[in-house]
Amino acid sequence: MLMCPIWENDMIQKIQDKGSQTLSETEQVAEHFRSYYTDLYWLQLTFDKEVITDYLAHIAMKWLMTEHRERLMAPLCLEEIQAALKDMPSRKASGTDGLMVAFCKAYQDQLTPHLATLFEEMTAGGCMPPTLCEALLVVLLEPGKPGRPEDRCSSYRPLSLMNVDMKL
């Protein structure tokens, strides 16, 4: 089976919004979590170019030796992709594409040439497919925190389930 079923008991039945209103519709709960994490992680950063330039001018930069730089910039070979895939735990949850590591391992001979082409095109300055940037966000109630209400977003921690190709 490629995708895990969602069980009724595993779903968050209700959550309180900022105004202490209880939301119990699945779409409302999902939208409130989306809004909560968007607000939490969206940073409005401003950069002072002069400060950054001054900082970089006064630190000792280490440089890679030519052979190391060339090795890092070389295209990935099939063996490297297969080795990385082999080292991945097989029984982890899948990302948005539903493909589990075990499936990718079973069909690695068919998949790795396509992955090598993808990575080579990305390295050459091509665009990254939008699906590569997607993740399935799952929230888990934080264990061991007595007294934290289960109907608050702050009582949950997010877990991003990424696709195998992104993990590689």
Foldseek 3Di string as FASTA:
>chain_A
DLADDDDPVQDQQWAAAPVRDIDGDPVVVVVRLVVVVCVVPDDDDDDDPVVVVVVVVPDDDDDDDPVVVVVVLDQDDLVVVLVVLVPDDQPDHAWPVSGTSVNCNVVVVVPSVVLSVLRVCVSVPHDRPPLQVGWDKDWDQDPPDPPDDPNYSVRIDIDTHGHPSNVD
